[in-house]
């Protein structure tokens, strides 16, 4: 039995996106994140808080424990994050009637209005980016997205069933 402590070769890198998708991703992220960072800065929100608001909008009445699991946060960190959003008036807490230990959160009217503002800013940023694309190429991009989006919007379980 040997105690070989020599370094092991590194794992192969994960498969990379094709260069065109990497470039598109970079362009979109720069454009969108510039607008988003200004908006979150004006409202004093962290990326985790913004992500939480999007998650709650996508899954109304989301359990606080589920938010923590999705974000990879401890229960204490999740409680602190939720508390800040509740104090800001963006979320409200409630208890599940069948199990009062289960705490859930939902968007307030102010939280919904804020996300509507975020959606508008993101749409403007994306529109600004693609405004320079000639109409025929933009139509081709829209057609390609129409073909791909159904695959991206399906739940993972459904994707496995289709494979």
N, C-alpha and C. Protein backbone atom coordinates (compact mmCIF):
# COMPACT_ATOMS: atom_id res chain seq x y z
N UNK A 1 0.85 -1.17 0.00
CA UNK A 1 0.00 0.00 0.00
C UNK A 1 0.89 1.23 0.00
N UNK A 2 0.72 2.11 -0.98
CA UNK A 2 1.57 3.28 -1.06
C UNK A 2 0.79 4.53 -0.69
N UNK A 3 1.49 5.48 -0.17
CA UNK A 3 0.91 6.78 0.15
C UNK A 3 1.30 7.77 -0.93
N UNK A 4 0.79 7.58 -2.10
CA UNK A 4 1.12 8.45 -3.23
C UNK A 4 0.39 9.78 -3.07
N UNK A 5 1.14 10.82 -2.81
CA UNK A 5 0.54 12.15 -2.64
C UNK A 5 0.82 13.04 -3.83
N UNK A 6 1.24 12.44 -4.92
CA UNK A 6 1.51 13.26 -6.10
C UNK A 6 0.19 13.84 -6.61
N UNK A 7 0.27 15.03 -7.18
CA UNK A 7 -0.96 15.67 -7.67
C UNK A 7 -1.63 14.84 -8.76
N UNK A 8 -2.92 14.82 -8.68
CA UNK A 8 -3.73 14.11 -9.68
C UNK A 8 -3.98 15.07 -10.85
N UNK A 9 -4.11 14.52 -12.05
CA UNK A 9 -4.41 15.41 -13.18
C UNK A 9 -5.77 16.07 -12.96
N UNK A 10 -5.90 17.29 -13.40
CA UNK A 10 -7.18 17.99 -13.20
C UNK A 10 -8.29 17.31 -14.00
N UNK A 11 -9.49 17.46 -13.49
CA UNK A 11 -10.65 16.95 -14.22
C UNK A 11 -10.80 17.74 -15.51
N UNK A 12 -11.32 17.10 -16.54
CA UNK A 12 -11.51 17.85 -17.79
C UNK A 12 -12.52 18.97 -17.55
N UNK A 13 -12.34 20.08 -18.24
CA UNK A 13 -13.28 21.19 -18.05
C UNK A 13 -14.66 20.79 -18.57
N UNK A 14 -15.68 21.44 -18.02
CA UNK A 14 -17.03 21.14 -18.52
C UNK A 14 -17.13 21.56 -19.98
N UNK A 15 -18.05 20.94 -20.72
CA UNK A 15 -18.19 21.32 -22.13
C UNK A 15 -18.54 22.80 -22.23
N UNK A 16 -17.90 23.45 -23.15
CA UNK A 16 -18.12 24.88 -23.33
C UNK A 16 -19.22 25.13 -24.35
N UNK A 17 -19.81 26.28 -24.21
CA UNK A 17 -20.79 26.70 -25.20
C UNK A 17 -20.09 26.98 -26.52
N UNK A 18 -20.80 26.83 -27.61
CA UNK A 18 -20.21 27.26 -28.89
C UNK A 18 -19.85 28.74 -28.78
N UNK A 19 -18.84 29.17 -29.50
CA UNK A 19 -18.38 30.56 -29.40
C UNK A 19 -19.49 31.59 -29.64
N UNK A 20 -20.40 31.28 -30.54
CA UNK A 20 -21.48 32.22 -30.83
C UNK A 20 -22.40 32.40 -29.61
N UNK A 21 -22.70 31.31 -28.91
CA UNK A 21 -23.55 31.43 -27.72
C UNK A 21 -22.81 32.12 -26.59
N UNK A 22 -21.51 31.85 -26.45
CA UNK A 22 -20.71 32.55 -25.43
C UNK A 22 -20.71 34.05 -25.70
N UNK A 23 -20.51 34.43 -26.96
CA UNK A 23 -20.48 35.85 -27.32
C UNK A 23 -21.84 36.49 -27.07
N UNK A 24 -22.93 35.81 -27.46
CA UNK A 24 -24.27 36.34 -27.23
C UNK A 24 -24.55 36.48 -25.75
N UNK A 25 -24.18 35.47 -24.99
CA UNK A 25 -24.36 35.50 -23.54
C UNK A 25 -23.63 36.70 -22.95
N UNK A 26 -22.39 36.91 -23.36
CA UNK A 26 -21.61 38.03 -22.85
C UNK A 26 -22.24 39.38 -23.17
N UNK A 27 -22.71 39.52 -24.41
CA UNK A 27 -23.36 40.78 -24.80
C UNK A 27 -24.62 41.05 -23.99
N UNK A 28 -25.44 40.02 -23.85
CA UNK A 28 -26.69 40.17 -23.10
C UNK A 28 -26.39 40.48 -21.64
N UNK A 29 -25.47 39.75 -21.05
CA UNK A 29 -25.15 39.97 -19.64
C UNK A 29 -24.62 41.38 -19.40
N UNK A 30 -23.72 41.85 -20.24
CA UNK A 30 -23.19 43.21 -20.07
C UNK A 30 -24.31 44.25 -20.17
N UNK A 31 -25.16 44.09 -21.16
CA UNK A 31 -26.25 45.05 -21.37
C UNK A 31 -27.25 45.00 -20.23
N UNK A 32 -27.68 43.80 -19.88
CA UNK A 32 -28.71 43.63 -18.86
C UNK A 32 -28.16 43.96 -17.47
N UNK A 33 -26.98 43.45 -17.16
CA UNK A 33 -26.43 43.66 -15.82
C UNK A 33 -26.14 45.13 -15.55
N UNK A 34 -25.76 45.87 -16.58
CA UNK A 34 -25.56 47.31 -16.39
C UNK A 34 -26.83 47.99 -15.93
N UNK A 35 -27.93 47.67 -16.59
CA UNK A 35 -29.22 48.25 -16.20
C UNK A 35 -29.68 47.71 -14.85
N UNK A 36 -29.49 46.42 -14.64
CA UNK A 36 -29.96 45.78 -13.42
C UNK A 36 -29.20 46.26 -12.20
N UNK A 37 -27.88 46.44 -12.34
CA UNK A 37 -27.11 46.86 -11.17
C UNK A 37 -27.51 48.28 -10.75
N UNK A 38 -27.82 49.13 -11.72
CA UNK A 38 -28.30 50.46 -11.36
C UNK A 38 -29.63 50.40 -10.63
N UNK A 39 -30.51 49.56 -11.11
CA UNK A 39 -31.84 49.42 -10.50
C UNK A 39 -31.74 48.83 -9.10
N UNK A 40 -30.97 47.76 -8.95
CA UNK A 40 -30.85 47.14 -7.62
C UNK A 40 -30.11 48.08 -6.66
N UNK A 41 -29.15 48.84 -7.19
CA UNK A 41 -28.44 49.80 -6.35
C UNK A 41 -29.35 50.90 -5.84
N UNK A 42 -30.22 51.40 -6.71
CA UNK A 42 -31.17 52.44 -6.30
C UNK A 42 -32.13 51.92 -5.24
N UNK A 43 -32.44 50.63 -5.30
CA UNK A 43 -33.38 50.04 -4.34
C UNK A 43 -32.66 49.31 -3.21
N UNK A 44 -31.33 49.35 -3.21
CA UNK A 44 -30.51 48.73 -2.17
C UNK A 44 -30.84 47.24 -2.00
N UNK A 45 -30.85 46.51 -3.12
CA UNK A 45 -31.11 45.07 -3.09
C UNK A 45 -29.86 44.31 -3.51
N UNK A 46 -29.64 43.18 -2.89
CA UNK A 46 -28.53 42.30 -3.28
C UNK A 46 -29.01 41.37 -4.39
N UNK A 47 -28.07 40.76 -5.12
CA UNK A 47 -28.49 39.78 -6.14
C UNK A 47 -29.32 38.64 -5.54
N UNK A 48 -28.99 38.19 -4.34
CA UNK A 48 -29.77 37.10 -3.71
C UNK A 48 -31.19 37.56 -3.41
N UNK A 49 -31.35 38.82 -3.00
CA UNK A 49 -32.69 39.32 -2.74
C UNK A 49 -33.51 39.42 -4.03
N UNK A 50 -32.87 39.92 -5.08
CA UNK A 50 -33.57 40.00 -6.37
C UNK A 50 -33.94 38.62 -6.87
N UNK A 51 -33.02 37.67 -6.74
CA UNK A 51 -33.30 36.30 -7.14
C UNK A 51 -34.48 35.73 -6.36
N UNK A 52 -34.53 36.05 -5.08
CA UNK A 52 -35.63 35.58 -4.24
C UNK A 52 -36.96 36.13 -4.73
N UNK A 53 -36.98 37.40 -5.08
CA UNK A 53 -38.23 37.99 -5.59
C UNK A 53 -38.68 37.30 -6.87
N UNK A 54 -37.73 37.03 -7.77
CA UNK A 54 -38.09 36.33 -9.01
C UNK A 54 -38.60 34.93 -8.71
N UNK A 55 -37.97 34.24 -7.77
CA UNK A 55 -38.40 32.88 -7.41
C UNK A 55 -39.80 32.87 -6.83
N UNK A 56 -40.09 33.84 -5.96
CA UNK A 56 -41.41 33.90 -5.35
C UNK A 56 -42.46 34.24 -6.40
N UNK A 57 -42.11 35.09 -7.35
CA UNK A 57 -43.08 35.38 -8.43
C UNK A 57 -43.36 34.13 -9.24
N UNK A 58 -42.31 33.35 -9.52
CA UNK A 58 -42.48 32.15 -10.33
C UNK A 58 -43.22 31.05 -9.56
N UNK A 59 -43.07 31.03 -8.24
CA UNK A 59 -43.70 30.01 -7.41
C UNK A 59 -44.41 30.70 -6.24
N UNK A 60 -45.62 31.22 -6.47
CA UNK A 60 -46.33 31.92 -5.39
C UNK A 60 -46.49 31.03 -4.16
N UNK A 61 -46.48 31.67 -3.01
CA UNK A 61 -46.61 30.96 -1.73
C UNK A 61 -45.45 29.98 -1.52
N UNK A 62 -44.27 30.38 -1.89
CA UNK A 62 -43.08 29.54 -1.76
C UNK A 62 -42.68 29.42 -0.30
N UNK A 63 -42.34 28.20 0.12
CA UNK A 63 -41.89 27.97 1.49
C UNK A 63 -40.52 28.61 1.69
N UNK A 64 -40.33 29.24 2.83
CA UNK A 64 -39.06 29.90 3.12
C UNK A 64 -37.92 28.88 3.09
N UNK A 65 -38.17 27.68 3.59
CA UNK A 65 -37.12 26.65 3.58
C UNK A 65 -36.73 26.28 2.15
N UNK A 66 -37.69 26.30 1.24
CA UNK A 66 -37.41 25.98 -0.17
C UNK A 66 -36.53 27.06 -0.80
N UNK A 67 -36.78 28.30 -0.44
CA UNK A 67 -35.95 29.40 -0.95
C UNK A 67 -34.50 29.18 -0.52
N UNK A 68 -34.32 28.85 0.75
CA UNK A 68 -32.97 28.59 1.25
C UNK A 68 -32.29 27.46 0.51
N UNK A 69 -33.03 26.38 0.26
CA UNK A 69 -32.45 25.25 -0.47
C UNK A 69 -32.08 25.66 -1.90
N UNK A 70 -32.97 26.40 -2.56
CA UNK A 70 -32.71 26.81 -3.94
C UNK A 70 -31.49 27.74 -4.05
N UNK A 71 -31.31 28.58 -3.04
CA UNK A 71 -30.20 29.53 -3.07
C UNK A 71 -28.93 28.98 -2.41
N UNK A 72 -29.05 27.81 -1.76
CA UNK A 72 -27.90 27.23 -1.07
C UNK A 72 -27.52 28.01 0.18
N UNK A 73 -28.51 28.54 0.88
CA UNK A 73 -28.26 29.33 2.08
C UNK A 73 -28.66 28.56 3.34
N UNK A 74 -28.03 28.89 4.44
CA UNK A 74 -28.42 28.33 5.72
C UNK A 74 -29.78 28.89 6.11
N UNK A 75 -30.43 28.27 7.08
CA UNK A 75 -31.74 28.77 7.50
C UNK A 75 -31.62 30.16 8.10
N UNK A 76 -30.52 30.42 8.82
CA UNK A 76 -30.32 31.76 9.40
C UNK A 76 -30.15 32.82 8.33
N UNK A 77 -29.34 32.52 7.32
CA UNK A 77 -29.12 33.47 6.23
C UNK A 77 -30.41 33.70 5.45
N UNK A 78 -31.17 32.63 5.25
CA UNK A 78 -32.44 32.75 4.53
C UNK A 78 -33.41 33.60 5.32
N UNK A 79 -33.49 33.38 6.63
CA UNK A 79 -34.38 34.18 7.48
C UNK A 79 -34.02 35.65 7.41
N UNK A 80 -32.72 35.95 7.46
CA UNK A 80 -32.26 37.33 7.39
C UNK A 80 -32.64 37.95 6.04
N UNK A 81 -32.42 37.22 4.96
CA UNK A 81 -32.74 37.70 3.61
C UNK A 81 -34.23 38.00 3.51
N UNK A 82 -35.07 37.07 3.98
CA UNK A 82 -36.53 37.24 3.91
C UNK A 82 -36.95 38.43 4.78
N UNK A 83 -36.37 38.52 5.96
CA UNK A 83 -36.72 39.61 6.88
C UNK A 83 -36.47 40.98 6.24
N UNK A 84 -35.35 41.11 5.55
CA UNK A 84 -35.05 42.39 4.89
C UNK A 84 -36.09 42.71 3.81
N UNK A 85 -36.50 41.68 3.05
CA UNK A 85 -37.49 41.90 1.99
C UNK A 85 -38.87 42.20 2.57
N UNK A 86 -39.20 41.58 3.71
CA UNK A 86 -40.47 41.87 4.38
C UNK A 86 -40.46 43.31 4.90
N UNK A 87 -39.36 43.71 5.56
CA UNK A 87 -39.26 45.07 6.10
C UNK A 87 -39.32 46.11 4.99
N UNK A 88 -38.82 45.77 3.81
CA UNK A 88 -38.86 46.70 2.67
C UNK A 88 -40.25 46.74 2.03
N UNK A 89 -41.13 45.83 2.46
CA UNK A 89 -42.49 45.81 1.93
C UNK A 89 -42.62 45.08 0.61
N UNK A 90 -41.60 44.29 0.24
CA UNK A 90 -41.64 43.59 -1.04
C UNK A 90 -42.23 42.18 -0.92
N UNK A 91 -42.12 41.58 0.26
CA UNK A 91 -42.67 40.25 0.53
C UNK A 91 -43.54 40.30 1.78
N UNK A 92 -44.45 39.34 1.86
CA UNK A 92 -45.21 39.15 3.10
C UNK A 92 -45.14 37.68 3.48
N UNK A 93 -45.09 37.43 4.77
CA UNK A 93 -45.02 36.06 5.29
C UNK A 93 -46.42 35.58 5.66
N UNK A 94 -46.58 34.26 5.58
CA UNK A 94 -47.83 33.65 6.05
C UNK A 94 -47.50 32.24 6.50
N UNK A 95 -48.45 31.65 7.22
CA UNK A 95 -48.30 30.27 7.66
C UNK A 95 -49.23 29.39 6.85
N UNK A 96 -48.80 28.17 6.62
CA UNK A 96 -49.63 27.19 5.93
C UNK A 96 -50.72 26.75 6.92
N UNK A 97 -51.96 26.80 6.52
CA UNK A 97 -53.05 26.48 7.45
C UNK A 97 -52.97 25.04 7.95
N UNK A 98 -52.54 24.11 7.11
CA UNK A 98 -52.47 22.71 7.52
C UNK A 98 -51.25 22.41 8.38
N UNK A 99 -50.23 23.28 8.35
CA UNK A 99 -49.02 23.07 9.16
C UNK A 99 -48.45 24.45 9.49
N UNK A 100 -48.79 24.95 10.66
CA UNK A 100 -48.41 26.30 11.05
C UNK A 100 -46.91 26.50 11.18
N UNK A 101 -46.15 25.40 11.19
CA UNK A 101 -44.69 25.51 11.24
C UNK A 101 -44.13 25.89 9.88
N UNK A 102 -44.88 25.63 8.82
CA UNK A 102 -44.44 25.96 7.46
C UNK A 102 -44.70 27.43 7.18
N UNK A 103 -43.63 28.20 7.06
CA UNK A 103 -43.75 29.62 6.74
C UNK A 103 -43.58 29.80 5.24
N UNK A 104 -44.42 30.61 4.68
CA UNK A 104 -44.38 30.87 3.24
C UNK A 104 -44.28 32.37 3.02
N UNK A 105 -43.84 32.73 1.83
CA UNK A 105 -43.79 34.15 1.46
C UNK A 105 -44.46 34.35 0.11
N UNK A 106 -44.97 35.54 -0.07
CA UNK A 106 -45.54 35.92 -1.35
C UNK A 106 -45.23 37.39 -1.58
N UNK A 107 -45.34 37.80 -2.82
CA UNK A 107 -45.08 39.19 -3.17
C UNK A 107 -46.19 40.10 -2.65
N UNK A 108 -45.81 41.27 -2.22
CA UNK A 108 -46.79 42.31 -1.91
C UNK A 108 -47.07 43.06 -3.21
N UNK A 109 -48.01 43.98 -3.15
CA UNK A 109 -48.28 44.81 -4.32
C UNK A 109 -47.02 45.61 -4.68
N UNK A 110 -46.28 46.08 -3.67
CA UNK A 110 -45.04 46.82 -3.92
C UNK A 110 -43.98 45.91 -4.56
N UNK A 111 -43.91 44.66 -4.11
CA UNK A 111 -42.97 43.70 -4.70
C UNK A 111 -43.31 43.41 -6.15
N UNK A 112 -44.59 43.25 -6.43
CA UNK A 112 -45.04 43.02 -7.80
C UNK A 112 -44.72 44.22 -8.68
N UNK A 113 -44.96 45.42 -8.16
CA UNK A 113 -44.67 46.64 -8.92
C UNK A 113 -43.16 46.77 -9.18
N UNK A 114 -42.36 46.44 -8.18
CA UNK A 114 -40.91 46.50 -8.36
C UNK A 114 -40.46 45.54 -9.46
N UNK A 115 -40.95 44.29 -9.44
CA UNK A 115 -40.55 43.34 -10.47
C UNK A 115 -41.06 43.76 -11.84
N UNK A 116 -42.19 44.42 -11.88
CA UNK A 116 -42.69 44.96 -13.15
C UNK A 116 -41.70 46.00 -13.68
N UNK A 117 -41.17 46.84 -12.78
CA UNK A 117 -40.16 47.83 -13.16
C UNK A 117 -38.89 47.14 -13.65
N UNK A 118 -38.48 46.08 -12.95
CA UNK A 118 -37.29 45.32 -13.36
C UNK A 118 -37.51 44.72 -14.75
N UNK A 119 -38.67 44.12 -14.96
CA UNK A 119 -38.97 43.54 -16.27
C UNK A 119 -38.89 44.60 -17.37
N UNK A 120 -39.41 45.77 -17.09
CA UNK A 120 -39.36 46.86 -18.06
C UNK A 120 -37.92 47.26 -18.37
N UNK A 121 -37.09 47.38 -17.33
CA UNK A 121 -35.69 47.74 -17.53
C UNK A 121 -34.96 46.68 -18.33
N UNK A 122 -35.22 45.41 -18.02
CA UNK A 122 -34.56 44.33 -18.75
C UNK A 122 -35.01 44.30 -20.20
N UNK A 123 -36.28 44.56 -20.44
CA UNK A 123 -36.79 44.60 -21.82
C UNK A 123 -36.15 45.73 -22.60
N UNK A 124 -36.01 46.89 -21.97
CA UNK A 124 -35.38 48.03 -22.64
C UNK A 124 -33.92 47.70 -22.96
N UNK A 125 -33.23 47.08 -22.01
CA UNK A 125 -31.82 46.74 -22.22
C UNK A 125 -31.68 45.76 -23.39
N UNK A 126 -32.53 44.76 -23.44
CA UNK A 126 -32.47 43.79 -24.52
C UNK A 126 -32.87 44.43 -25.85
N UNK A 127 -33.89 45.28 -25.83
CA UNK A 127 -34.31 45.97 -27.05
C UNK A 127 -33.19 46.87 -27.58
N UNK A 128 -32.50 47.54 -26.65
CA UNK A 128 -31.37 48.38 -27.08
C UNK A 128 -30.29 47.53 -27.75
N UNK A 129 -30.04 46.36 -27.20
CA UNK A 129 -29.01 45.49 -27.75
C UNK A 129 -29.38 45.00 -29.15
N UNK A 130 -30.62 44.55 -29.32
CA UNK A 130 -30.97 43.96 -30.62
C UNK A 130 -31.44 44.99 -31.64
N UNK A 131 -31.54 46.27 -31.24
CA UNK A 131 -31.98 47.32 -32.17
C UNK A 131 -31.05 47.45 -33.36
N UNK A 132 -29.80 47.08 -33.17
CA UNK A 132 -28.83 47.22 -34.25
C UNK A 132 -28.82 46.03 -35.21
N UNK A 133 -29.63 45.00 -34.93
CA UNK A 133 -29.67 43.82 -35.79
C UNK A 133 -30.61 44.09 -36.96
N UNK A 134 -30.14 43.85 -38.19
CA UNK A 134 -31.01 44.06 -39.36
C UNK A 134 -32.26 43.17 -39.29
N UNK A 135 -33.39 43.66 -39.80
CA UNK A 135 -34.66 42.91 -39.71
C UNK A 135 -34.59 41.45 -40.17
N UNK A 136 -33.94 41.11 -41.28
CA UNK A 136 -33.94 39.69 -41.67
C UNK A 136 -33.23 38.79 -40.63
N UNK A 137 -32.13 39.27 -40.08
CA UNK A 137 -31.40 38.49 -39.08
C UNK A 137 -32.19 38.42 -37.77
N UNK A 138 -32.87 39.50 -37.43
CA UNK A 138 -33.69 39.50 -36.22
C UNK A 138 -34.84 38.51 -36.38
N UNK A 139 -35.45 38.47 -37.55
CA UNK A 139 -36.54 37.51 -37.80
C UNK A 139 -36.01 36.08 -37.69
N UNK A 140 -34.81 35.83 -38.19
CA UNK A 140 -34.22 34.49 -38.07
C UNK A 140 -33.95 34.14 -36.61
N UNK A 141 -33.47 35.11 -35.83
CA UNK A 141 -33.23 34.87 -34.40
C UNK A 141 -34.54 34.56 -33.68
N UNK A 142 -35.58 35.34 -33.96
CA UNK A 142 -36.88 35.12 -33.33
C UNK A 142 -37.42 33.74 -33.70
N UNK A 143 -37.28 33.34 -34.95
CA UNK A 143 -37.75 32.02 -35.39
C UNK A 143 -36.97 30.91 -34.69
N UNK A 144 -35.66 31.08 -34.57
CA UNK A 144 -34.85 30.07 -33.89
C UNK A 144 -35.25 29.97 -32.42
N UNK A 145 -35.47 31.10 -31.78
CA UNK A 145 -35.90 31.08 -30.37
C UNK A 145 -37.28 30.43 -30.22
N UNK A 146 -38.16 30.68 -31.17
CA UNK A 146 -39.49 30.05 -31.12
C UNK A 146 -39.37 28.53 -31.16
N UNK A 147 -38.38 28.02 -31.90
CA UNK A 147 -38.17 26.57 -31.95
C UNK A 147 -37.56 26.03 -30.67
N UNK A 148 -36.68 26.81 -30.03
CA UNK A 148 -35.91 26.33 -28.88
C UNK A 148 -36.62 26.57 -27.54
N UNK A 149 -37.33 27.67 -27.42
CA UNK A 149 -37.93 28.04 -26.13
C UNK A 149 -38.81 26.95 -25.51
N UNK A 150 -39.63 26.24 -26.27
CA UNK A 150 -40.43 25.20 -25.62
C UNK A 150 -39.57 24.17 -24.88
N UNK A 151 -38.40 23.89 -25.39
CA UNK A 151 -37.51 22.93 -24.73
C UNK A 151 -36.92 23.51 -23.46
N UNK A 152 -36.71 24.79 -23.43
CA UNK A 152 -36.11 25.43 -22.27
C UNK A 152 -37.11 25.72 -21.17
N UNK A 153 -38.37 25.79 -21.52
CA UNK A 153 -39.40 26.17 -20.56
C UNK A 153 -40.10 24.98 -19.91
N UNK A 154 -39.74 23.80 -20.31
CA UNK A 154 -40.37 22.60 -19.77
C UNK A 154 -39.66 22.21 -18.48
N UNK A 155 -40.41 21.73 -17.52
CA UNK A 155 -39.80 21.26 -16.27
C UNK A 155 -38.82 20.14 -16.57
N UNK A 156 -37.80 20.00 -15.73
CA UNK A 156 -36.77 18.99 -15.94
C UNK A 156 -37.37 17.59 -16.06
N UNK A 157 -38.33 17.29 -15.25
CA UNK A 157 -38.94 15.96 -15.28
C UNK A 157 -39.59 15.69 -16.64
N UNK A 158 -40.24 16.71 -17.18
CA UNK A 158 -40.85 16.56 -18.49
C UNK A 158 -39.81 16.41 -19.58
N UNK A 159 -38.68 17.09 -19.45
CA UNK A 159 -37.61 16.97 -20.43
C UNK A 159 -37.06 15.54 -20.44
N UNK A 160 -36.92 14.93 -19.27
CA UNK A 160 -36.43 13.57 -19.19
C UNK A 160 -37.40 12.63 -19.90
N UNK A 161 -38.71 12.85 -19.72
CA UNK A 161 -39.69 12.00 -20.36
C UNK A 161 -39.63 12.12 -21.89
N UNK A 162 -39.31 13.31 -22.42
CA UNK A 162 -39.26 13.49 -23.86
C UNK A 162 -38.00 12.88 -24.48
N UNK A 163 -36.97 12.71 -23.67
CA UNK A 163 -35.69 12.20 -24.21
C UNK A 163 -35.80 10.76 -24.62
